C-alpha cells in the first residue's frame, strides 16, 4: 500500500501510480470527507467525465417516495 508524508506546509503528494490509475490531473479538485480518524479524498469530476457512468442501471428496484410514506398512514 503506497504511503505519503505530510510536508511542513501541510501538503501531500499523490504517488504517480495512483494518479495514473485514477486519471487525475494537475488542478484536480477533491472533496475532503472525514470519518472518525480517517480522511477520504474524493475527486470531484466534471459532468462530461461522468456522463454515461450509470448507463444500464436498473432504477426499477428502488422504492419511490410514496411507498416510504405508506407505512405511516
C-alpha atoms as a PDB file:
ATOM      1  CA  UNK A   1       0.000   0.000   0.000  1.00  0.00           C
ATOM      2  CA  UNK A   2       1.520   3.351  -1.009  1.00  0.00           C
ATOM      3  CA  UNK A   3       2.107   5.917   1.711  1.00  0.00           C
ATOM      4  CA  UNK A   4       2.800   9.650   1.704  1.00  0.00           C
ATOM      5  CA  UNK A   5       4.272  12.111   4.202  1.00  0.00           C
ATOM      6  CA  UNK A   6       2.639  15.372   5.216  1.00  0.00           C
ATOM      7  CA  UNK A   7       5.060  18.214   4.389  1.00  0.00           C
ATOM      8  CA  UNK A   8       5.894  21.146   6.670  1.00  0.00           C
ATOM      9  CA  UNK A   9       3.406  23.147   4.542  1.00  0.00           C
ATOM     10  CA  UNK A  10       0.699  20.513   5.251  1.00  0.00           C
ATOM     11  CA  UNK A  11       0.745  19.223   1.666  1.00  0.00           C
ATOM     12  CA  UNK A  12       0.554  15.658   0.351  1.00  0.00           C
ATOM     13  CA  UNK A  13       1.788  14.338  -2.989  1.00  0.00           C
ATOM     14  CA  UNK A  14      -0.260  11.605  -4.643  1.00  0.00           C
ATOM     15  CA  UNK A  15       2.017   8.839  -5.967  1.00  0.00           C
ATOM     16  CA  UNK A  16       2.310   8.649  -9.752  1.00  0.00           C
ATOM     17  CA  UNK A  17       0.872   5.115  -9.970  1.00  0.00           C
ATOM     18  CA  UNK A  18      -2.319   6.264  -8.221  1.00  0.00           C
ATOM     19  CA  UNK A  19      -2.564   9.461 -10.310  1.00  0.00           C
ATOM     20  CA  UNK A  20      -2.346   7.414 -13.495  1.00  0.00           C
ATOM     21  CA  UNK A  21      -4.724   4.694 -12.310  1.00  0.00           C
ATOM     22  CA  UNK A  22      -7.381   7.246 -11.286  1.00  0.00           C
ATOM     23  CA  UNK A  23      -6.682   9.547 -14.269  1.00  0.00           C
ATOM     24  CA  UNK A  24      -6.034  12.581 -12.033  1.00  0.00           C
ATOM     25  CA  UNK A  25      -4.592  15.791 -13.426  1.00  0.00           C
ATOM     26  CA  UNK A  26      -2.963  18.968 -12.119  1.00  0.00           C
ATOM     27  CA  UNK A  27      -5.569  21.338 -10.721  1.00  0.00           C
ATOM     28  CA  UNK A  28      -7.973  18.481  -9.935  1.00  0.00           C
ATOM     29  CA  UNK A  29     -10.419  19.382  -7.148  1.00  0.00           C
ATOM     30  CA  UNK A  30     -11.168  16.980  -4.286  1.00  0.00           C
ATOM     31  CA  UNK A  31     -13.903  16.714  -1.693  1.00  0.00           C
ATOM     32  CA  UNK A  32     -12.430  16.072   1.755  1.00  0.00           C
ATOM     33  CA  UNK A  33     -14.503  13.732   3.900  1.00  0.00           C
ATOM     34  CA  UNK A  34     -13.630  12.855   7.493  1.00  0.00           C
ATOM     35  CA  UNK A  35     -14.825   9.603   9.044  1.00  0.00           C
ATOM     36  CA  UNK A  36     -13.609   9.293  12.630  1.00  0.00           C
ATOM     37  CA  UNK A  37      -9.820   9.334  12.404  1.00  0.00           C
ATOM     38  CA  UNK A  38      -9.828   8.704   8.630  1.00  0.00           C
ATOM     39  CA  UNK A  39      -9.557  11.288   5.840  1.00  0.00           C
ATOM     40  CA  UNK A  40     -11.035  10.429   2.429  1.00  0.00           C
ATOM     41  CA  UNK A  41     -10.117  12.427  -0.676  1.00  0.00           C
ATOM     42  CA  UNK A  42     -12.769  12.024  -3.364  1.00  0.00           C
ATOM     43  CA  UNK A  43     -12.020  13.550  -6.774  1.00  0.00           C
ATOM     44  CA  UNK A  44     -14.694  15.921  -7.991  1.00  0.00           C
ATOM     45  CA  UNK A  45     -15.342  15.062 -11.625  1.00  0.00           C
ATOM     46  CA  UNK A  46     -16.712  17.330 -14.326  1.00  0.00           C
ATOM     47  CA  UNK A  47     -20.166  16.466 -15.623  1.00  0.00           C
ATOM     48  CA  UNK A  48     -18.835  15.459 -19.035  1.00  0.00           C
ATOM     49  CA  UNK A  49     -16.426  12.992 -17.338  1.00  0.00           C
ATOM     50  CA  UNK A  50     -19.222  11.137 -15.534  1.00  0.00           C
ATOM     51  CA  UNK A  51     -21.822  11.215 -18.295  1.00  0.00           C
ATOM     52  CA  UNK A  52     -22.903   7.651 -19.023  1.00  0.00           C
ATOM     53  CA  UNK A  53     -21.474   6.320 -15.750  1.00  0.00           C
ATOM     54  CA  UNK A  54     -24.829   4.866 -14.711  1.00  0.00           C
ATOM     55  CA  UNK A  55     -25.828   3.686 -18.172  1.00  0.00           C
ATOM     56  CA  UNK A  56     -27.665   0.389 -17.896  1.00  0.00           C
ATOM     57  CA  UNK A  57     -28.563   0.866 -14.208  1.00  0.00           C
ATOM     58  CA  UNK A  58     -31.988  -0.519 -13.329  1.00  0.00           C
ATOM     59  CA  UNK A  59     -33.846   2.017 -11.154  1.00  0.00           C
ATOM     60  CA  UNK A  60     -36.963  -0.195 -11.151  1.00  0.00           C
ATOM     61  CA  UNK A  61     -35.984  -1.978  -7.956  1.00  0.00           C
ATOM     62  CA  UNK A  62     -35.976   1.197  -5.850  1.00  0.00           C
ATOM     63  CA  UNK A  63     -38.948   2.361  -3.812  1.00  0.00           C
ATOM     64  CA  UNK A  64     -40.388   5.762  -4.571  1.00  0.00           C
ATOM     65  CA  UNK A  65     -41.237   8.478  -2.050  1.00  0.00           C
ATOM     66  CA  UNK A  66     -44.887   7.455  -1.870  1.00  0.00           C
ATOM     67  CA  UNK A  67     -44.053   3.866  -0.908  1.00  0.00           C
ATOM     68  CA  UNK A  68     -41.916   5.002   2.006  1.00  0.00           C
ATOM     69  CA  UNK A  69     -44.723   7.144   3.383  1.00  0.00           C
ATOM     70  CA  UNK A  70     -47.469   4.470   3.056  1.00  0.00           C
ATOM     71  CA  UNK A  71     -46.489   2.770   6.306  1.00  0.00           C
ATOM     72  CA  UNK A  72     -47.195   5.975   8.262  1.00  0.00           C
ATOM     73  CA  UNK A  73     -50.797   6.293   7.071  1.00  0.00           C
END
